[in-house]
Protein backbone atom coordinates (compact mmCIF):
# COMPACT_ATOMS: atom_id res chain seq x y z
CA MET A 1 71.88 100.02 120.99
CA GLU A 2 71.53 102.88 118.52
CA LEU A 3 75.20 103.82 118.86
CA VAL A 4 76.30 100.37 117.65
CA ASP A 5 74.03 100.50 114.61
CA ASP A 6 75.09 104.04 113.79
CA ASN A 7 78.79 103.18 114.04
CA LEU A 8 78.39 100.08 111.85
CA LYS A 9 76.48 102.05 109.23
CA ARG A 10 79.35 104.53 109.07
CA LEU A 11 81.78 101.67 108.40
CA THR A 12 80.06 100.80 105.13
CA ASP A 13 80.88 104.21 103.68
CA ALA A 14 84.64 103.63 104.05
CA ARG A 15 86.95 103.20 101.08
CA ILE A 16 90.01 101.15 102.02
CA LEU A 17 93.10 100.50 99.88
CA VAL A 18 94.93 97.34 100.99
CA VAL A 19 98.50 96.94 99.74
CA GLY A 20 100.97 94.17 100.44
CA ASP A 21 101.90 90.51 100.22
CA ILE A 22 99.16 88.45 98.61
CA MET A 23 98.96 84.71 99.15
CA LEU A 24 96.62 81.80 98.68
CA ASP A 25 95.75 79.82 101.80
CA ARG A 26 95.04 76.23 100.75
CA TYR A 27 93.58 73.71 103.22
CA TRP A 28 93.51 69.93 103.01
CA PHE A 29 91.02 68.62 105.56
CA GLY A 30 90.80 64.95 106.39
CA SER A 31 91.17 62.22 108.98
CA VAL A 32 94.18 60.36 110.34
CA ASP A 33 93.46 56.74 111.12
CA ARG A 34 96.83 55.10 110.62
CA ILE A 35 100.58 55.57 110.56
CA SER A 36 102.48 55.19 107.31
CA PRO A 37 104.33 51.83 106.97
CA GLU A 38 107.06 53.70 105.06
CA SER A 39 108.02 55.95 107.98
CA PRO A 40 106.52 56.86 111.38
CA VAL A 41 104.29 59.68 110.14
CA PRO A 42 100.49 60.01 110.15
CA VAL A 43 98.59 59.41 106.91
CA LEU A 44 96.00 62.12 106.17
CA ALA A 45 93.04 60.83 104.14
CA VAL A 46 91.92 64.07 102.48
CA ASN A 47 88.16 64.53 102.12
CA ASP A 48 87.90 68.28 101.56
CA VAL A 49 90.03 70.95 99.89
CA GLN A 50 89.41 74.65 100.50
CA GLU A 51 91.15 77.73 99.13
CA ARG A 52 90.97 81.15 100.76
CA MET A 53 92.61 84.52 100.34
CA GLY A 54 95.61 85.06 102.61
CA GLY A 55 97.90 87.87 103.64
CA ALA A 56 96.90 91.27 102.21
CA ALA A 57 94.09 89.54 100.31
CA ASN A 58 92.57 88.38 103.60
CA VAL A 59 92.70 91.95 104.92
CA ALA A 60 90.82 93.09 101.82
CA ALA A 61 88.35 90.23 102.29
CA ASN A 62 87.65 91.34 105.87
CA VAL A 63 87.06 94.91 104.71
CA ALA A 64 84.59 93.71 102.06
CA SER A 65 82.89 91.30 104.48
CA LEU A 66 82.14 94.23 106.77
CA GLY A 67 80.36 96.02 103.95
CA ALA A 68 82.96 98.63 102.99
CA SER A 69 84.62 99.38 99.66
CA SER A 70 87.78 97.26 99.40
CA THR A 71 90.61 97.59 96.87
CA LEU A 72 93.52 95.14 96.77
CA LEU A 73 96.95 96.00 95.32
CA GLY A 74 99.78 93.50 95.21
CA VAL A 75 101.61 90.99 93.02
CA VAL A 76 100.83 87.38 92.05
CA GLY A 77 102.35 84.99 89.56
CA ASP A 78 100.85 83.97 86.23
CA ASP A 79 99.95 80.56 87.62
CA GLU A 80 97.00 78.55 88.90
CA ALA A 81 97.23 80.02 92.42
CA GLY A 82 97.36 83.59 91.09
CA LYS A 83 94.31 82.99 88.91
CA GLN A 84 92.48 81.50 91.88
CA ILE A 85 93.18 84.60 93.97
CA CYS A 86 91.75 86.80 91.21
CA THR A 87 88.63 84.60 91.10
CA LEU A 88 88.23 84.79 94.88
CA THR A 89 88.54 88.58 94.89
CA ARG A 90 85.74 88.88 92.33
CA THR A 91 83.53 86.56 94.37
CA ALA A 92 84.16 88.67 97.50
CA SER A 93 83.37 91.95 95.69
CA ILE A 94 86.93 93.22 96.09
CA ARG A 95 88.25 95.67 93.51
CA SER A 96 91.32 93.90 92.21
CA GLU A 97 94.36 95.92 91.20
CA VAL A 98 96.59 92.85 91.36
CA TYR A 99 99.75 93.05 89.24
CA VAL A 100 100.63 89.77 87.50
CA ASP A 101 104.35 88.95 87.37
CA PRO A 102 104.90 86.05 84.91
CA SER A 103 108.39 85.46 86.29
CA MET A 104 107.33 84.64 89.86
CA GLN A 105 105.41 81.95 91.71
CA THR A 106 102.37 83.03 93.73
CA THR A 107 102.85 82.54 97.47
CA VAL A 108 100.84 79.55 98.70
CA LYS A 109 100.47 78.28 102.25
CA LEU A 110 99.25 74.70 102.29
CA ARG A 111 97.85 73.52 105.62
CA MET A 112 96.93 69.91 106.39
CA VAL A 113 94.25 69.64 109.07
CA SER A 114 92.65 66.75 110.93
CA ARG A 115 89.96 67.12 113.61
CA ASN A 116 90.52 70.88 113.70
CA GLN A 117 94.22 70.40 114.42
CA GLN A 118 96.89 71.53 111.98
CA LEU A 119 99.32 68.70 111.23
CA LEU A 120 101.67 70.43 108.82
CA ARG A 121 102.10 73.65 106.85
CA THR A 122 104.05 73.82 103.60
CA ASP A 123 104.97 77.18 102.03
CA PHE A 124 105.65 77.94 98.36
CA GLU A 125 106.94 81.45 97.74
CA GLU A 126 109.06 83.69 95.54
CA ARG A 127 109.73 87.42 95.77
CA PRO A 128 108.37 89.71 93.04
CA LYS A 129 110.80 91.20 90.54
CA GLU A 130 111.72 94.89 90.22
CA ALA A 131 109.53 95.51 87.16
CA ALA A 132 106.45 94.26 89.02
CA LEU A 133 107.25 96.37 92.08
CA ASN A 134 107.67 99.50 89.94
CA GLY A 135 104.35 98.82 88.22
CA MET A 136 102.68 98.31 91.57
CA MET A 137 104.16 101.55 92.91
CA SER A 138 102.87 103.51 89.93
CA ARG A 139 99.39 102.09 90.44
CA PHE A 140 99.54 102.92 94.14
CA SER A 141 100.05 106.60 93.32
CA ASP A 142 97.05 106.53 90.98
CA LEU A 143 94.75 104.85 93.53
CA LEU A 144 95.56 106.92 96.62
CA GLY A 145 93.19 109.77 95.93
CA ASP A 146 90.15 107.47 95.65
CA HIS A 147 90.50 105.99 99.15
CA ASP A 148 90.10 107.13 102.75
CA VAL A 149 92.61 104.87 104.50
CA VAL A 150 95.57 102.77 103.37
CA VAL A 151 96.46 99.41 104.94
CA LEU A 152 100.01 98.14 104.36
CA SER A 153 100.05 94.39 105.04
CA ASP A 154 103.67 93.26 105.37
CA TYR A 155 104.31 89.52 105.48
CA GLY A 156 107.95 89.88 104.47
CA LYS A 157 107.43 88.40 100.99
CA GLY A 158 108.79 91.44 99.11
CA ALA A 159 105.73 93.39 97.96
CA LEU A 160 106.41 96.32 100.32
CA VAL A 161 109.99 97.12 99.35
CA TYR A 162 108.92 100.74 98.83
CA VAL A 163 106.85 101.03 102.00
CA GLU A 164 108.61 104.25 103.11
CA GLU A 165 107.66 105.93 99.85
CA MET A 166 104.08 104.69 100.14
CA ILE A 167 103.74 106.19 103.62
CA ARG A 168 105.25 109.48 102.41
CA LEU A 169 102.85 109.73 99.47
CA ALA A 170 99.86 108.89 101.65
CA ASN A 171 100.87 111.55 104.19
CA GLU A 172 101.21 114.15 101.45
CA LEU A 173 97.58 113.51 100.46
CA GLY A 174 96.39 113.44 104.06
CA LYS A 175 95.57 109.72 103.97
CA GLN A 176 95.83 107.65 107.14
CA THR A 177 98.09 104.60 106.93
CA LEU A 178 97.95 101.46 109.06
CA VAL A 179 100.79 98.93 108.99
CA ASP A 180 100.75 95.27 109.96
CA PRO A 181 104.55 95.02 110.43
CA LYS A 182 107.11 92.32 109.81
CA GLY A 183 110.72 91.96 110.90
CA LYS A 184 112.84 93.60 113.57
CA ASP A 185 113.20 97.02 111.94
CA PHE A 186 110.10 99.15 112.42
CA SER A 187 111.94 102.29 111.26
CA ARG A 188 110.67 101.45 107.75
CA TYR A 189 107.19 102.39 108.96
CA ALA A 190 108.11 105.80 110.41
CA GLY A 191 105.40 108.39 109.90
CA ALA A 192 102.53 105.90 109.64
CA THR A 193 99.28 106.62 111.45
CA MET A 194 99.22 103.30 113.28
CA ILE A 195 101.27 100.12 113.56
CA THR A 196 99.61 96.89 114.74
CA PRO A 197 102.18 94.29 115.91
CA ASN A 198 101.42 91.37 118.15
CA LEU A 199 103.33 91.13 121.42
CA LYS A 200 105.87 88.66 120.02
CA GLU A 201 106.69 90.95 117.08
CA PHE A 202 106.87 93.95 119.40
CA SER A 203 109.27 92.15 121.74
CA GLU A 204 111.52 91.17 118.83
CA VAL A 205 111.83 94.81 117.79
CA VAL A 206 112.63 95.87 121.36
CA GLY A 207 115.19 93.06 121.61
CA SER A 208 113.82 91.31 124.70
CA PRO A 209 110.49 90.08 126.10
CA VAL A 210 108.22 92.98 127.10
CA ASP A 211 106.49 92.59 130.47
CA ASP A 212 103.05 94.01 131.20
CA ASP A 213 104.42 96.62 133.60
CA GLU A 214 106.86 98.05 131.03
CA LEU A 215 104.64 97.86 127.95
CA GLU A 216 103.30 101.40 128.29
CA THR A 217 106.74 103.00 128.66
CA ILE A 218 108.26 101.10 125.75
CA ALA A 219 105.23 101.76 123.55
CA GLY A 220 105.56 105.47 124.27
CA ASN A 221 109.21 105.41 123.25
CA VAL A 222 108.40 103.63 119.97
CA ILE A 223 105.66 106.14 119.15
CA HIS A 224 108.07 109.02 119.74
CA GLN A 225 110.98 107.47 117.83
CA LEU A 226 108.90 106.53 114.78
CA ASP A 227 106.69 109.63 114.83
CA ILE A 228 103.53 107.55 114.58
CA ARG A 229 100.20 108.55 116.07
CA LYS A 230 99.09 105.23 117.51
CA LEU A 231 100.38 101.79 118.37
CA LEU A 232 98.03 98.83 118.72
CA VAL A 233 99.57 95.75 120.35
CA THR A 234 97.60 92.51 120.26
CA LEU A 235 98.18 90.42 123.37
CA SER A 236 96.81 87.00 122.35
CA GLU A 237 94.41 85.67 125.00
CA LYS A 238 94.89 88.85 127.06
CA GLY A 239 93.24 90.99 124.38
CA MET A 240 94.83 94.14 123.02
CA ALA A 241 96.14 97.55 124.04
CA MET A 242 96.14 100.86 122.19
CA PHE A 243 98.73 103.57 122.84
CA ALA A 244 98.70 107.11 121.47
CA LYS A 245 100.55 110.37 121.95
CA ASN A 246 99.59 112.33 125.07
CA THR A 247 96.72 110.03 126.07
CA ARG A 248 96.27 107.19 128.52
CA PRO A 249 96.48 103.67 127.03
CA ILE A 250 93.31 101.67 126.44
CA TYR A 251 93.26 97.98 127.33
CA GLN A 252 90.61 95.41 126.40
CA VAL A 253 90.43 91.74 127.29
CA ALA A 254 89.91 89.27 124.45
CA LYS A 255 86.30 88.81 123.36
CA THR A 256 85.93 85.13 122.53
CA GLN A 257 84.55 82.06 124.21
CA GLU A 258 86.70 79.45 122.49
CA VAL A 259 89.76 79.79 120.26
CA TYR A 260 90.00 77.37 117.33
CA ASP A 261 92.50 79.07 115.04
CA VAL A 262 94.39 82.37 115.36
CA SER A 263 95.70 82.37 111.77
CA GLY A 264 94.60 85.56 110.04
CA ALA A 265 93.33 87.22 113.21
CA GLY A 266 95.79 90.08 112.75
CA ASP A 267 94.32 90.69 109.29
CA THR A 268 90.88 91.08 110.83
CA VAL A 269 92.18 93.45 113.50
CA ILE A 270 93.85 95.82 111.05
CA ALA A 271 90.92 95.71 108.62
CA SER A 272 88.49 96.58 111.41
CA MET A 273 90.73 99.35 112.72
CA ALA A 274 91.07 100.83 109.21
CA LEU A 275 87.29 100.99 108.93
CA ALA A 276 87.04 102.56 112.38
CA LEU A 277 89.52 105.29 111.44
CA ALA A 278 87.74 105.96 108.16
CA ALA A 279 84.45 106.22 110.04
CA LYS A 280 86.07 108.58 112.59
CA LEU A 281 85.15 106.43 115.59
CA ASP A 282 86.77 107.36 118.89
CA ASP A 283 89.59 105.17 120.18
CA HIS A 284 87.42 103.24 122.65
CA ASP A 285 84.83 102.34 120.03
CA ALA A 286 87.55 101.52 117.48
CA LEU A 287 89.29 99.14 119.87
CA ASP A 288 85.98 97.53 120.83
CA LEU A 289 85.22 97.01 117.15
CA ALA A 290 88.59 95.41 116.35
CA ASN A 291 88.57 93.26 119.48
CA SER A 292 85.07 91.98 118.77
CA ALA A 293 85.88 91.19 115.14
CA ALA A 294 89.02 89.29 116.19
CA GLY A 295 86.97 87.28 118.69
CA ILE A 296 84.68 86.19 115.86
CA VAL A 297 87.38 84.95 113.48
CA VAL A 298 89.47 83.02 116.04
CA SER A 299 86.38 80.93 116.79
CA LYS A 300 86.44 79.70 113.18
CA ILE A 301 88.76 77.21 111.48
CA GLY A 302 91.39 78.61 109.16
CA THR A 303 91.75 82.05 107.61
CA ALA A 304 88.35 83.66 108.09
CA THR A 305 86.37 86.89 108.00
CA ALA A 306 83.74 88.49 110.20
CA SER A 307 80.45 89.62 108.69
CA LEU A 308 78.68 92.85 109.55
CA GLU A 309 75.82 90.94 111.18
CA GLU A 310 78.21 88.83 113.28
CA LEU A 311 79.93 91.99 114.42
CA ARG A 312 76.61 93.66 115.27
CA LEU A 313 75.63 90.72 117.48
CA ALA A 314 79.06 90.64 119.16
CA LEU A 315 78.98 94.36 119.95
CA LYS A 316 75.48 94.02 121.37
CA GLY A 317 76.57 91.15 123.61
CA GLY A 318 75.10 88.37 121.49
CA ASN A 319 71.53 89.57 121.94
């Protein structure tokens, strides 16, 4: 399919600036063969430790994995986890603009896994201080002009305190902004090009569960109220739906055979969509791209990325 190859080639020309909450995803893999004699809890015999980029860093990793230019802006602590994130970004060919805040602890999510099942997750986190946020904001202004699209990855850890100002600056320079939102107040993201909540997040903002038959109406209201161009709602095993001003919604069923782990899938979706917007793909092709990329990563264990070749095969039906 020449169209698929042409679209993928256009993705590699994109320059994406990813801004937001950076974290280290740490995995302890092992086996559980007994219960602790001290208390009725399983004992995990760890045989493998893996560390991966999480949060905004995983978005940047997905952008780079798909062959595009990826820049990461955020805050980490001056600690072992922060240094590891910087090492991982270099390995993944990500341009690092990470601001180091010596007064904070880098966010770490530690997951304990046995037989592909997560037993426990432990979080270590601390919000960045004002000086770090101001330094990050200054660097954001400097970087904007060198990029086609901005991704704002909000995990609620404090890096996007000035998200309204970031969207305003991006709009002034004609840069498209995509937001992976957090919390019940989406008004912070007013004026963005696209917001990409999952259905649970979207329902929390609305204040009640959103049924399939009312999704289109409510999505239209949110688009109007926030003055955004597009709203992409991921629907778990049902796939995803894209809504835009004055156009009919586009629905796609999920493209995966077997789901192993959904952690980080939203990062892949927004990274793929950012590339699609930068490449000026139409909405149908953009949604197909994001849906296919998500189907790839949920079939893997842990926070993962999709490669350009994996995406090419998925879009061509595995042939």
